[in-house]
Amino acid sequence: MADRVERRMTVEEFLDWEDGTDIRHMLMDGVVVTMAPASEVHSRIAGNVTYEVRRRVTPPCIALSEAALVLAADTCVQADVAMTCEAR
């Protein structure tokens, strides 16, 4: 029996990809990984952290919630909270 070949994606392919569901995914080393749904406690903590970061940053910096972070050509994760100071 032949081994199943795993198809790997680039971040560009991943960002264009849609599986037709509302399930969240991330891309790790080119492999699509299903993310577990956030618990209520997790969501509250992430919301509170986002709020506190937003209160403390000044332009051009901004806080983002559920931000897609591209870490490499084949890795894209979804952070609960991120901050950037790059010009838009």
Protein backbone atom coordinates (compact mmCIF):
# COMPACT_ATOMS: atom_id res chain seq x y z
CA MET A 1 0.00 0.00 0.00
CA ALA A 2 1.35 3.43 -0.91
CA ASP A 3 1.85 6.12 1.71
CA ARG A 4 -0.41 9.13 1.51
CA VAL A 5 1.46 12.20 0.29
CA GLU A 6 0.72 15.27 2.37
CA ARG A 7 0.20 18.39 0.27
CA ARG A 8 2.03 21.36 1.69
CA MET A 9 0.99 24.98 1.11
CA THR A 10 2.70 28.32 1.05
CA VAL A 11 1.27 31.15 3.14
CA GLU A 12 -0.06 32.76 -0.06
CA GLU A 13 -1.92 29.54 -0.97
CA PHE A 14 -3.19 29.18 2.59
CA LEU A 15 -4.57 32.73 2.70
CA ASP A 16 -6.42 32.08 -0.59
CA TRP A 17 -7.64 28.65 0.54
CA GLU A 18 -11.19 28.16 1.82
CA ASP A 19 -12.47 24.85 3.16
CA GLY A 20 -16.13 25.89 3.10
CA THR A 21 -16.58 25.71 6.88
CA ASP A 22 -16.33 28.13 9.78
CA ILE A 23 -13.54 26.06 11.38
CA ARG A 24 -10.37 28.05 12.11
CA HIS A 25 -7.03 26.85 10.80
CA MET A 26 -3.37 27.79 10.92
CA LEU A 27 -0.46 26.80 8.71
CA MET A 28 2.54 25.15 10.35
CA ASP A 29 5.52 24.26 8.17
CA GLY A 30 3.20 24.13 5.15
CA VAL A 31 0.64 21.85 6.81
CA VAL A 32 -2.92 23.05 7.51
CA VAL A 33 -3.75 22.47 11.18
CA THR A 34 -7.26 22.73 12.64
CA MET A 35 -7.49 25.02 15.65
CA ALA A 36 -9.62 24.10 18.65
CA PRO A 37 -12.44 26.54 19.38
CA ALA A 38 -11.57 29.05 22.08
CA SER A 39 -13.23 28.49 25.43
CA GLU A 40 -15.29 31.24 27.05
CA VAL A 41 -12.54 31.86 29.60
CA HIS A 42 -9.90 32.05 26.87
CA SER A 43 -12.04 34.52 24.89
CA ARG A 44 -12.55 36.73 27.95
CA ILE A 45 -8.84 36.79 28.75
CA ALA A 46 -7.90 37.57 25.13
CA GLY A 47 -10.50 40.36 25.01
CA ASN A 48 -9.25 41.87 28.25
CA VAL A 49 -5.62 41.73 27.12
CA THR A 50 -6.53 43.35 23.78
CA TYR A 51 -8.38 46.13 25.61
CA GLU A 52 -5.47 46.81 27.94
CA VAL A 53 -2.92 46.86 25.10
CA ARG A 54 -5.13 49.23 23.06
CA ARG A 55 -5.39 51.60 26.05
CA ARG A 56 -1.64 51.80 26.38
CA VAL A 57 -0.32 52.10 22.83
CA THR A 58 0.03 55.36 20.97
CA PRO A 59 0.02 55.97 17.22
CA PRO A 60 1.37 54.75 14.95
CA CYS A 61 1.12 51.58 17.08
CA ILE A 62 -2.14 49.63 17.18
CA ALA A 63 -3.37 46.48 18.90
CA LEU A 64 -5.04 43.77 16.83
CA SER A 65 -7.17 40.86 17.95
CA GLU A 66 -7.14 37.51 16.14
CA ALA A 67 -4.36 38.71 13.86
CA ALA A 68 -2.84 36.45 11.23
CA LEU A 69 0.91 36.49 11.73
CA VAL A 70 3.13 35.27 8.91
CA LEU A 71 6.21 33.78 10.55
CA ALA A 72 7.79 32.16 7.48
CA ALA A 73 6.98 31.36 3.84
CA ASP A 74 5.12 28.26 5.04
CA THR A 75 3.89 29.26 8.51
CA CYS A 76 0.95 31.49 9.42
CA VAL A 77 -0.60 31.49 12.89
CA GLN A 78 -3.53 33.33 14.38
CA ALA A 79 -2.55 35.30 17.46
CA ASP A 80 -5.10 36.24 20.11
CA VAL A 81 -3.47 39.67 20.42
CA ALA A 82 -0.78 41.37 18.38
CA MET A 83 0.65 44.86 18.19
CA THR A 84 2.24 46.61 15.25
CA CYS A 85 3.84 50.00 14.84
CA GLU A 86 4.24 49.76 11.07
CA ALA A 87 2.64 52.44 8.91
CA ARG A 88 -0.52 51.23 7.22
